[in-house]
Amino acid sequence: MNIQGILTLIGFAQKAGKLAAGESAVGNFLKKGRLALILLSEELSEQRRDVWQKQAQLYEVTAITIPATKVEIGLAVGQSPRGIIGIMDLKMAEAVMKKIEN
């Protein structure tokens, strides 16, 4: 898994306006059916990860825990520390998945 490449793509998604950062934003876009991928920080508690995995399953969206801290994710999107982000663009989500698989 190429974490630096993933964080770079997350930053691109933010600049393109195709990213939801934080639980509230991700929850809203998930319910509207606008997310293609959910990324969870390794620092989220097991309970919070389970909650988000179940929500993602309910709305048929892939949710993956990445080996990045909340601070690293926050820096990648130019915001305060974030434990969860959602990518709205399908092509960007596919590019992130490729980085995760390598």
PDB file of N, CA and C in Angstrom:
ATOM      1  N   MET A   1       0.857  -1.189   0.000  1.00  0.00           N
ATOM      2  CA  MET A   1       0.000   0.000   0.000  1.00  0.00           C
ATOM      3  C   MET A   1       0.892   1.237   0.000  1.00  0.00           C
ATOM      4  N   ASN A   2       0.690   2.099  -0.969  1.00  0.00           N
ATOM      5  CA  ASN A   2       1.479   3.319  -1.112  1.00  0.00           C
ATOM      6  C   ASN A   2       0.735   4.473  -0.437  1.00  0.00           C
ATOM      7  N   ILE A   3       0.993   4.672   0.869  1.00  0.00           N
ATOM      8  CA  ILE A   3       0.234   5.661   1.628  1.00  0.00           C
ATOM      9  C   ILE A   3       0.488   7.083   1.151  1.00  0.00           C
ATOM     10  N   GLN A   4       1.717   7.402   0.768  1.00  0.00           N
ATOM     11  CA  GLN A   4       1.995   8.764   0.294  1.00  0.00           C
ATOM     12  C   GLN A   4       1.232   9.038  -0.997  1.00  0.00           C
ATOM     13  N   GLY A   5       1.172   8.064  -1.886  1.00  0.00           N
ATOM     14  CA  GLY A   5       0.400   8.214  -3.122  1.00  0.00           C
ATOM     15  C   GLY A   5      -1.078   8.386  -2.841  1.00  0.00           C
ATOM     16  N   ILE A   6      -1.582   7.661  -1.854  1.00  0.00           N
ATOM     17  CA  ILE A   6      -2.998   7.775  -1.474  1.00  0.00           C
ATOM     18  C   ILE A   6      -3.283   9.172  -0.942  1.00  0.00           C
ATOM     19  N   LEU A   7      -2.415   9.655  -0.060  1.00  0.00           N
ATOM     20  CA  LEU A   7      -2.614  10.993   0.511  1.00  0.00           C
ATOM     21  C   LEU A   7      -2.548  12.075  -0.564  1.00  0.00           C
ATOM     22  N   THR A   8      -1.682  11.887  -1.547  1.00  0.00           N
ATOM     23  CA  THR A   8      -1.588  12.839  -2.657  1.00  0.00           C
ATOM     24  C   THR A   8      -2.895  12.859  -3.451  1.00  0.00           C
ATOM     25  N   LEU A   9      -3.429  11.688  -3.755  1.00  0.00           N
ATOM     26  CA  LEU A   9      -4.700  11.611  -4.493  1.00  0.00           C
ATOM     27  C   LEU A   9      -5.848  12.212  -3.687  1.00  0.00           C
ATOM     28  N   ILE A  10      -5.815  12.015  -2.374  1.00  0.00           N
ATOM     29  CA  ILE A  10      -6.834  12.618  -1.501  1.00  0.00           C
ATOM     30  C   ILE A  10      -6.768  14.143  -1.610  1.00  0.00           C
ATOM     31  N   GLY A  11      -5.554  14.686  -1.624  1.00  0.00           N
ATOM     32  CA  GLY A  11      -5.378  16.132  -1.784  1.00  0.00           C
ATOM     33  C   GLY A  11      -5.916  16.625  -3.113  1.00  0.00           C
ATOM     34  N   PHE A  12      -5.672  15.868  -4.186  1.00  0.00           N
ATOM     35  CA  PHE A  12      -6.212  16.229  -5.507  1.00  0.00           C
ATOM     36  C   PHE A  12      -7.742  16.229  -5.486  1.00  0.00           C
ATOM     37  N   ALA A  13      -8.326  15.214  -4.837  1.00  0.00           N
ATOM     38  CA  ALA A  13      -9.788  15.127  -4.756  1.00  0.00           C
ATOM     39  C   ALA A  13     -10.354  16.330  -4.007  1.00  0.00           C
ATOM     40  N   GLN A  14      -9.666  16.752  -2.952  1.00  0.00           N
ATOM     41  CA  GLN A  14     -10.108  17.922  -2.187  1.00  0.00           C
ATOM     42  C   GLN A  14     -10.067  19.174  -3.057  1.00  0.00           C
ATOM     43  N   LYS A  15      -8.974  19.352  -3.778  1.00  0.00           N
ATOM     44  CA  LYS A  15      -8.846  20.534  -4.638  1.00  0.00           C
ATOM     45  C   LYS A  15      -9.884  20.543  -5.750  1.00  0.00           C
ATOM     46  N   ALA A  16     -10.278  19.349  -6.198  1.00  0.00           N
ATOM     47  CA  ALA A  16     -11.286  19.244  -7.256  1.00  0.00           C
ATOM     48  C   ALA A  16     -12.711  19.357  -6.712  1.00  0.00           C
ATOM     49  N   GLY A  17     -12.850  19.445  -5.396  1.00  0.00           N
ATOM     50  CA  GLY A  17     -14.179  19.537  -4.799  1.00  0.00           C
ATOM     51  C   GLY A  17     -14.925  18.214  -4.817  1.00  0.00           C
ATOM     52  N   LYS A  18     -14.191  17.119  -4.853  1.00  0.00           N
ATOM     53  CA  LYS A  18     -14.795  15.785  -4.940  1.00  0.00           C
ATOM     54  C   LYS A  18     -14.538  14.973  -3.678  1.00  0.00           C
ATOM     55  N   LEU A  19     -14.450  15.643  -2.532  1.00  0.00           N
ATOM     56  CA  LEU A  19     -14.128  14.959  -1.299  1.00  0.00           C
ATOM     57  C   LEU A  19     -14.976  15.490  -0.152  1.00  0.00           C
ATOM     58  N   ALA A  20     -15.465  14.581   0.690  1.00  0.00           N
ATOM     59  CA  ALA A  20     -16.169  14.944   1.921  1.00  0.00           C
ATOM     60  C   ALA A  20     -15.261  14.548   3.075  1.00  0.00           C
ATOM     61  N   ALA A  21     -14.993  15.465   3.995  1.00  0.00           N
ATOM     62  CA  ALA A  21     -14.084  15.189   5.108  1.00  0.00           C
ATOM     63  C   ALA A  21     -14.808  15.349   6.435  1.00  0.00           C
ATOM     64  N   GLY A  22     -14.668  14.355   7.301  1.00  0.00           N
ATOM     65  CA  GLY A  22     -15.309  14.383   8.609  1.00  0.00           C
ATOM     66  C   GLY A  22     -16.597  13.572   8.630  1.00  0.00           C
ATOM     67  N   GLU A  23     -16.985  13.141   9.826  1.00  0.00           N
ATOM     68  CA  GLU A  23     -18.137  12.256   9.959  1.00  0.00           C
ATOM     69  C   GLU A  23     -19.430  12.869   9.456  1.00  0.00           C
ATOM     70  N   SER A  24     -19.666  14.111   9.764  1.00  0.00           N
ATOM     71  CA  SER A  24     -20.912  14.760   9.358  1.00  0.00           C
ATOM     72  C   SER A  24     -21.033  14.852   7.838  1.00  0.00           C
ATOM     73  N   ALA A  25     -19.987  15.351   7.203  1.00  0.00           N
ATOM     74  CA  ALA A  25     -20.011  15.502   5.739  1.00  0.00           C
ATOM     75  C   ALA A  25     -20.112  14.150   5.048  1.00  0.00           C
ATOM     76  N   VAL A  26     -19.331  13.181   5.515  1.00  0.00           N
ATOM     77  CA  VAL A  26     -19.364  11.854   4.899  1.00  0.00           C
ATOM     78  C   VAL A  26     -20.753  11.240   5.066  1.00  0.00           C
ATOM     79  N   GLY A  27     -21.328  11.371   6.253  1.00  0.00           N
ATOM     80  CA  GLY A  27     -22.675  10.839   6.491  1.00  0.00           C
ATOM     81  C   GLY A  27     -23.709  11.444   5.560  1.00  0.00           C
ATOM     82  N   ASN A  28     -23.640  12.768   5.377  1.00  0.00           N
ATOM     83  CA  ASN A  28     -24.599  13.440   4.494  1.00  0.00           C
ATOM     84  C   ASN A  28     -24.458  12.988   3.046  1.00  0.00           C
ATOM     85  N   PHE A  29     -23.246  12.953   2.531  1.00  0.00           N
ATOM     86  CA  PHE A  29     -23.037  12.548   1.143  1.00  0.00           C
ATOM     87  C   PHE A  29     -23.315  11.063   0.936  1.00  0.00           C
ATOM     88  N   LEU A  30     -23.056  10.250   1.962  1.00  0.00           N
ATOM     89  CA  LEU A  30     -23.350   8.821   1.867  1.00  0.00           C
ATOM     90  C   LEU A  30     -24.850   8.598   1.708  1.00  0.00           C
ATOM     91  N   LYS A  31     -25.640   9.298   2.500  1.00  0.00           N
ATOM     92  CA  LYS A  31     -27.101   9.164   2.436  1.00  0.00           C
ATOM     93  C   LYS A  31     -27.665   9.668   1.112  1.00  0.00           C
ATOM     94  N   LYS A  32     -26.980  10.627   0.500  1.00  0.00           N
ATOM     95  CA  LYS A  32     -27.418  11.148  -0.798  1.00  0.00           C
ATOM     96  C   LYS A  32     -26.956  10.275  -1.955  1.00  0.00           C
ATOM     97  N   GLY A  33     -26.145   9.255  -1.654  1.00  0.00           N
ATOM     98  CA  GLY A  33     -25.654   8.351  -2.692  1.00  0.00           C
ATOM     99  C   GLY A  33     -24.569   8.958  -3.565  1.00  0.00           C
ATOM    100  N   ARG A  34     -23.802   9.878  -3.015  1.00  0.00           N
ATOM    101  CA  ARG A  34     -22.805  10.579  -3.828  1.00  0.00           C
ATOM    102  C   ARG A  34     -21.368  10.135  -3.576  1.00  0.00           C
ATOM    103  N   LEU A  35     -21.167   9.110  -2.744  1.00  0.00           N
ATOM    104  CA  LEU A  35     -19.800   8.667  -2.459  1.00  0.00           C
ATOM    105  C   LEU A  35     -19.450   7.409  -3.228  1.00  0.00           C
ATOM    106  N   ALA A  36     -18.209   7.352  -3.690  1.00  0.00           N
ATOM    107  CA  ALA A  36     -17.709   6.170  -4.396  1.00  0.00           C
ATOM    108  C   ALA A  36     -16.795   5.341  -3.495  1.00  0.00           C
ATOM    109  N   LEU A  37     -16.203   5.973  -2.473  1.00  0.00           N
ATOM    110  CA  LEU A  37     -15.249   5.284  -1.597  1.00  0.00           C
ATOM    111  C   LEU A  37     -15.150   6.035  -0.275  1.00  0.00           C
ATOM    112  N   ILE A  38     -15.054   5.277   0.816  1.00  0.00           N
ATOM    113  CA  ILE A  38     -14.842   5.853   2.146  1.00  0.00           C
ATOM    114  C   ILE A  38     -13.501   5.354   2.664  1.00  0.00           C
ATOM    115  N   LEU A  39     -12.690   6.279   3.168  1.00  0.00           N
ATOM    116  CA  LEU A  39     -11.395   5.937   3.748  1.00  0.00           C
ATOM    117  C   LEU A  39     -11.404   6.284   5.233  1.00  0.00           C
ATOM    118  N   LEU A  40     -10.996   5.331   6.062  1.00  0.00           N
ATOM    119  CA  LEU A  40     -10.997   5.487   7.509  1.00  0.00           C
ATOM    120  C   LEU A  40      -9.561   5.512   8.023  1.00  0.00           C
ATOM    121  N   SER A  41      -9.293   6.360   8.996  1.00  0.00           N
ATOM    122  CA  SER A  41      -7.962   6.415   9.612  1.00  0.00           C
ATOM    123  C   SER A  41      -7.761   5.204  10.512  1.00  0.00           C
ATOM    124  N   GLU A  42      -6.522   4.746  10.591  1.00  0.00           N
ATOM    125  CA  GLU A  42      -6.198   3.644  11.491  1.00  0.00           C
ATOM    126  C   GLU A  42      -6.404   4.042  12.951  1.00  0.00           C
ATOM    127  N   GLU A  43      -6.481   5.328  13.233  1.00  0.00           N
ATOM    128  CA  GLU A  43      -6.658   5.808  14.608  1.00  0.00           C
ATOM    129  C   GLU A  43      -8.104   5.773  15.085  1.00  0.00           C
ATOM    130  N   LEU A  44      -9.042   5.572  14.180  1.00  0.00           N
ATOM    131  CA  LEU A  44     -10.433   5.464  14.613  1.00  0.00           C
ATOM    132  C   LEU A  44     -10.582   4.235  15.500  1.00  0.00           C
ATOM    133  N   SER A  45     -11.448   4.339  16.490  1.00  0.00           N
ATOM    134  CA  SER A  45     -11.665   3.186  17.365  1.00  0.00           C
ATOM    135  C   SER A  45     -12.321   2.055  16.572  1.00  0.00           C
ATOM    136  N   GLU A  46     -12.150   0.858  17.068  1.00  0.00           N
ATOM    137  CA  GLU A  46     -12.746  -0.321  16.421  1.00  0.00           C
ATOM    138  C   GLU A  46     -14.256  -0.154  16.293  1.00  0.00           C
ATOM    139  N   GLN A  47     -14.870   0.424  17.315  1.00  0.00           N
ATOM    140  CA  GLN A  47     -16.321   0.634  17.310  1.00  0.00           C
ATOM    141  C   GLN A  47     -16.737   1.596  16.187  1.00  0.00           C
ATOM    142  N   ARG A  48     -16.025   2.708  16.044  1.00  0.00           N
ATOM    143  CA  ARG A  48     -16.367   3.687  14.996  1.00  0.00           C
ATOM    144  C   ARG A  48     -16.134   3.092  13.613  1.00  0.00           C
ATOM    145  N   ARG A  49     -15.051   2.310  13.453  1.00  0.00           N
ATOM    146  CA  ARG A  49     -14.801   1.662  12.158  1.00  0.00           C
ATOM    147  C   ARG A  49     -15.929   0.699  11.819  1.00  0.00           C
ATOM    148  N   ASP A  50     -16.387  -0.063  12.819  1.00  0.00           N
ATOM    149  CA  ASP A  50     -17.493  -1.004  12.587  1.00  0.00           C
ATOM    150  C   ASP A  50     -18.769  -0.277  12.177  1.00  0.00           C
ATOM    151  N   VAL A  51     -19.046   0.837  12.840  1.00  0.00           N
ATOM    152  CA  VAL A  51     -20.237   1.632  12.498  1.00  0.00           C
ATOM    153  C   VAL A  51     -20.165   2.091  11.046  1.00  0.00           C
ATOM    154  N   TRP A  52     -19.008   2.625  10.635  1.00  0.00           N
ATOM    155  CA  TRP A  52     -18.860   3.123   9.268  1.00  0.00           C
ATOM    156  C   TRP A  52     -18.848   2.003   8.243  1.00  0.00           C
ATOM    157  N   GLN A  53     -18.278   0.853   8.600  1.00  0.00           N
ATOM    158  CA  GLN A  53     -18.302  -0.294   7.681  1.00  0.00           C
ATOM    159  C   GLN A  53     -19.748  -0.723   7.421  1.00  0.00           C
ATOM    160  N   LYS A  54     -20.561  -0.745   8.468  1.00  0.00           N
ATOM    161  CA  LYS A  54     -21.969  -1.144   8.325  1.00  0.00           C
ATOM    162  C   LYS A  54     -22.746  -0.119   7.505  1.00  0.00           C
ATOM    163  N   GLN A  55     -22.491   1.163   7.761  1.00  0.00           N
ATOM    164  CA  GLN A  55     -23.155   2.217   6.977  1.00  0.00           C
ATOM    165  C   GLN A  55     -22.771   2.108   5.506  1.00  0.00           C
ATOM    166  N   ALA A  56     -21.504   1.880   5.248  1.00  0.00           N
ATOM    167  CA  ALA A  56     -21.029   1.755   3.872  1.00  0.00           C
ATOM    168  C   ALA A  56     -21.687   0.557   3.186  1.00  0.00           C
ATOM    169  N   GLN A  57     -21.789  -0.560   3.893  1.00  0.00           N
ATOM    170  CA  GLN A  57     -22.442  -1.745   3.330  1.00  0.00           C
ATOM    171  C   GLN A  57     -23.892  -1.456   2.998  1.00  0.00           C
ATOM    172  N   LEU A  58     -24.565  -0.756   3.905  1.00  0.00           N
ATOM    173  CA  LEU A  58     -25.973  -0.417   3.711  1.00  0.00           C
ATOM    174  C   LEU A  58     -26.183   0.374   2.419  1.00  0.00           C
ATOM    175  N   TYR A  59     -25.267   1.292   2.134  1.00  0.00           N
ATOM    176  CA  TYR A  59     -25.382   2.136   0.945  1.00  0.00           C
ATOM    177  C   TYR A  59     -24.526   1.630  -0.222  1.00  0.00           C
ATOM    178  N   GLU A  60     -23.984   0.424  -0.081  1.00  0.00           N
ATOM    179  CA  GLU A  60     -23.209  -0.230  -1.145  1.00  0.00           C
ATOM    180  C   GLU A  60     -22.003   0.599  -1.603  1.00  0.00           C
ATOM    181  N   VAL A  61     -21.248   1.070  -0.619  1.00  0.00           N
ATOM    182  CA  VAL A  61     -20.027   1.836  -0.870  1.00  0.00           C
ATOM    183  C   VAL A  61     -18.877   1.107  -0.171  1.00  0.00           C
ATOM    184  N   THR A  62     -17.732   1.051  -0.799  1.00  0.00           N
ATOM    185  CA  THR A  62     -16.558   0.418  -0.202  1.00  0.00           C
ATOM    186  C   THR A  62     -15.968   1.329   0.870  1.00  0.00           C
ATOM    187  N   ALA A  63     -15.657   0.757   2.035  1.00  0.00           N
ATOM    188  CA  ALA A  63     -15.003   1.493   3.118  1.00  0.00           C
ATOM    189  C   ALA A  63     -13.731   0.741   3.492  1.00  0.00           C
ATOM    190  N   ILE A  64     -12.615   1.443   3.505  1.00  0.00           N
ATOM    191  CA  ILE A  64     -11.320   0.824   3.761  1.00  0.00           C
ATOM    192  C   ILE A  64     -10.566   1.622   4.822  1.00  0.00           C
ATOM    193  N   THR A  65      -9.935   0.891   5.743  1.00  0.00           N
ATOM    194  CA  THR A  65      -9.065   1.521   6.732  1.00  0.00           C
ATOM    195  C   THR A  65      -7.667   1.625   6.129  1.00  0.00           C
ATOM    196  N   ILE A  66      -7.115   2.826   6.163  1.00  0.00           N
ATOM    197  CA  ILE A  66      -5.774   3.038   5.612  1.00  0.00           C
ATOM    198  C   ILE A  66      -4.794   3.316   6.755  1.00  0.00           C
ATOM    199  N   PRO A  67      -3.513   2.969   6.562  1.00  0.00           N
ATOM    200  CA  PRO A  67      -2.520   3.192   7.615  1.00  0.00           C
ATOM    201  C   PRO A  67      -2.047   4.646   7.659  1.00  0.00           C
ATOM    202  N   ALA A  68      -2.968   5.524   8.007  1.00  0.00           N
ATOM    203  CA  ALA A  68      -2.654   6.952   8.113  1.00  0.00           C
ATOM    204  C   ALA A  68      -3.323   7.493   9.372  1.00  0.00           C
ATOM    205  N   THR A  69      -2.657   8.438   9.998  1.00  0.00           N
ATOM    206  CA  THR A  69      -3.218   9.051  11.203  1.00  0.00           C
ATOM    207  C   THR A  69      -4.245  10.114  10.794  1.00  0.00           C
ATOM    208  N   LYS A  70      -5.010  10.548  11.774  1.00  0.00           N
ATOM    209  CA  LYS A  70      -5.981  11.618  11.531  1.00  0.00           C
ATOM    210  C   LYS A  70      -5.262  12.903  11.099  1.00  0.00           C
ATOM    211  N   VAL A  71      -4.117  13.157  11.699  1.00  0.00           N
ATOM    212  CA  VAL A  71      -3.343  14.354  11.362  1.00  0.00           C
ATOM    213  C   VAL A  71      -2.864  14.280   9.917  1.00  0.00           C
ATOM    214  N   GLU A  72      -2.348  13.127   9.493  1.00  0.00           N
ATOM    215  CA  GLU A  72      -1.875  12.966   8.115  1.00  0.00           C
ATOM    216  C   GLU A  72      -3.008  13.198   7.119  1.00  0.00           C
ATOM    217  N   ILE A  73      -4.169  12.644   7.410  1.00  0.00           N
ATOM    218  CA  ILE A  73      -5.321  12.833   6.514  1.00  0.00           C
ATOM    219  C   ILE A  73      -5.738  14.295   6.500  1.00  0.00           C
ATOM    220  N   GLY A  74      -5.785  14.918   7.668  1.00  0.00           N
ATOM    221  CA  GLY A  74      -6.141  16.334   7.750  1.00  0.00           C
ATOM    222  C   GLY A  74      -5.184  17.213   6.957  1.00  0.00           C
ATOM    223  N   LEU A  75      -3.892  16.929   7.071  1.00  0.00           N
ATOM    224  CA  LEU A  75      -2.897  17.695   6.309  1.00  0.00           C
ATOM    225  C   LEU A  75      -3.080  17.493   4.807  1.00  0.00           C
ATOM    226  N   ALA A  76      -3.407  16.276   4.398  1.00  0.00           N
ATOM    227  CA  ALA A  76      -3.587  15.985   2.970  1.00  0.00           C
ATOM    228  C   ALA A  76      -4.740  16.783   2.371  1.00  0.00           C
ATOM    229  N   VAL A  77      -5.762  17.068   3.192  1.00  0.00           N
ATOM    230  CA  VAL A  77      -6.925  17.805   2.671  1.00  0.00           C
ATOM    231  C   VAL A  77      -6.924  19.269   3.099  1.00  0.00           C
ATOM    232  N   GLY A  78      -5.858  19.691   3.794  1.00  0.00           N
ATOM    233  CA  GLY A  78      -5.748  21.089   4.183  1.00  0.00           C
ATOM    234  C   GLY A  78      -6.728  21.495   5.267  1.00  0.00           C
ATOM    235  N   GLN A  79      -7.059  20.560   6.159  1.00  0.00           N
ATOM    236  CA  GLN A  79      -8.000  20.838   7.244  1.00  0.00           C
ATOM    237  C   GLN A  79      -7.433  20.324   8.560  1.00  0.00           C
ATOM    238  N   SER A  80      -8.218  20.465   9.613  1.00  0.00           N
ATOM    239  CA  SER A  80      -7.825  19.909  10.905  1.00  0.00           C
ATOM    240  C   SER A  80      -7.859  18.382  10.824  1.00  0.00           C
ATOM    241  N   PRO A  81      -7.339  17.682  11.827  1.00  0.00           N
ATOM    242  CA  PRO A  81      -7.319  16.211  11.767  1.00  0.00           C
ATOM    243  C   PRO A  81      -8.690  15.612  11.448  1.00  0.00           C
ATOM    244  N   ARG A  82      -8.699  14.661  10.508  1.00  0.00           N
ATOM    245  CA  ARG A  82      -9.929  13.992  10.073  1.00  0.00           C
ATOM    246  C   ARG A  82      -9.748  12.484  10.148  1.00  0.00           C
ATOM    247  N   GLY A  83     -10.710  11.796  10.731  1.00  0.00           N
ATOM    248  CA  GLY A  83     -10.637  10.345  10.846  1.00  0.00           C
ATOM    249  C   GLY A  83     -11.313   9.612   9.717  1.00  0.00           C
ATOM    250  N   ILE A  84     -12.130  10.332   8.961  1.00  0.00           N
ATOM    251  CA  ILE A  84     -12.871   9.699   7.870  1.00  0.00           C
ATOM    252  C   ILE A  84     -13.039  10.692   6.725  1.00  0.00           C
ATOM    253  N   ILE A  85     -12.883  10.167   5.514  1.00  0.00           N
ATOM    254  CA  ILE A  85     -13.148  10.978   4.328  1.00  0.00           C
ATOM    255  C   ILE A  85     -13.895  10.134   3.305  1.00  0.00           C
ATOM    256  N   GLY A  86     -14.630  10.806   2.460  1.00  0.00           N
ATOM    257  CA  GLY A  86     -15.344  10.129   1.384  1.00  0.00           C
ATOM    258  C   GLY A  86     -14.978  10.751   0.049  1.00  0.00           C
ATOM    259  N   ILE A  87     -14.716   9.913  -0.929  1.00  0.00           N
ATOM    260  CA  ILE A  87     -14.379  10.390  -2.271  1.00  0.00           C
ATOM    261  C   ILE A  87     -15.611  10.250  -3.157  1.00  0.00           C
ATOM    262  N   MET A  88     -15.972  11.334  -3.824  1.00  0.00           N
ATOM    263  CA  MET A  88     -17.188  11.351  -4.637  1.00  0.00           C
ATOM    264  C   MET A  88     -16.964  10.923  -6.085  1.00  0.00           C
ATOM    265  N   ASP A  89     -15.791  11.177  -6.603  1.00  0.00           N
ATOM    266  CA  ASP A  89     -15.508  10.901  -8.013  1.00  0.00           C
ATOM    267  C   ASP A  89     -15.110   9.438  -8.207  1.00  0.00           C
ATOM    268  N   LEU A  90     -15.788   8.741  -9.096  1.00  0.00           N
ATOM    269  CA  LEU A  90     -15.535   7.317  -9.326  1.00  0.00           C
ATOM    270  C   LEU A  90     -14.121   7.065  -9.837  1.00  0.00           C
ATOM    271  N   LYS A  91     -13.653   7.866 -10.787  1.00  0.00           N
ATOM    272  CA  LYS A  91     -12.300   7.685 -11.335  1.00  0.00           C
ATOM    273  C   LYS A  91     -11.229   7.921 -10.264  1.00  0.00           C
ATOM    274  N   MET A  92     -11.443   8.915  -9.417  1.00  0.00           N
ATOM    275  CA  MET A  92     -10.495   9.186  -8.337  1.00  0.00           C
ATOM    276  C   MET A  92     -10.513   8.031  -7.339  1.00  0.00           C
ATOM    277  N   ALA A  93     -11.701   7.510  -7.040  1.00  0.00           N
ATOM    278  CA  ALA A  93     -11.819   6.370  -6.132  1.00  0.00           C
ATOM    279  C   ALA A  93     -11.088   5.153  -6.701  1.00  0.00           C
ATOM    280  N   GLU A  94     -11.204   4.933  -8.006  1.00  0.00           N
ATOM    281  CA  GLU A  94     -10.504   3.816  -8.653  1.00  0.00           C
ATOM    282  C   GLU A  94      -8.989   3.994  -8.563  1.00  0.00           C
ATOM    283  N   ALA A  95      -8.516   5.229  -8.727  1.00  0.00           N
ATOM    284  CA  ALA A  95      -7.076   5.501  -8.630  1.00  0.00           C
ATOM    285  C   ALA A  95      -6.575   5.235  -7.206  1.00  0.00           C
ATOM    286  N   VAL A  96      -7.356   5.616  -6.210  1.00  0.00           N
ATOM    287  CA  VAL A  96      -6.983   5.353  -4.816  1.00  0.00           C
ATOM    288  C   VAL A  96      -6.955   3.849  -4.561  1.00  0.00           C
ATOM    289  N   MET A  97      -7.941   3.135  -5.070  1.00  0.00           N
ATOM    290  CA  MET A  97      -7.994   1.674  -4.898  1.00  0.00           C
ATOM    291  C   MET A  97      -6.758   1.011  -5.520  1.00  0.00           C
ATOM    292  N   LYS A  98      -6.312   1.514  -6.664  1.00  0.00           N
ATOM    293  CA  LYS A  98      -5.104   0.982  -7.296  1.00  0.00           C
ATOM    294  C   LYS A  98      -3.887   1.154  -6.393  1.00  0.00           C
ATOM    295  N   LYS A  99      -3.787   2.334  -5.771  1.00  0.00           N
ATOM    296  CA  LYS A  99      -2.677   2.600  -4.845  1.00  0.00           C
ATOM    297  C   LYS A  99      -2.756   1.678  -3.624  1.00  0.00           C
ATOM    298  N   ILE A 100      -3.962   1.414  -3.154  1.00  0.00           N
ATOM    299  CA  ILE A 100      -4.148   0.535  -2.001  1.00  0.00           C
ATOM    300  C   ILE A 100      -3.733  -0.893  -2.341  1.00  0.00           C
ATOM    301  N   GLU A 101      -4.058  -1.335  -3.536  1.00  0.00           N
ATOM    302  CA  GLU A 101      -3.753  -2.701  -3.949  1.00  0.00           C
ATOM    303  C   GLU A 101      -2.268  -2.928  -4.203  1.00  0.00           C
ATOM    304  N   ASN A 102      -1.525  -1.867  -4.523  1.00  0.00           N
ATOM    305  CA  ASN A 102      -0.079  -2.015  -4.797  1.00  0.00           C
ATOM    306  C   ASN A 102       0.741  -1.913  -3.541  1.00  0.00           C
TER     307      ASN A 102
END
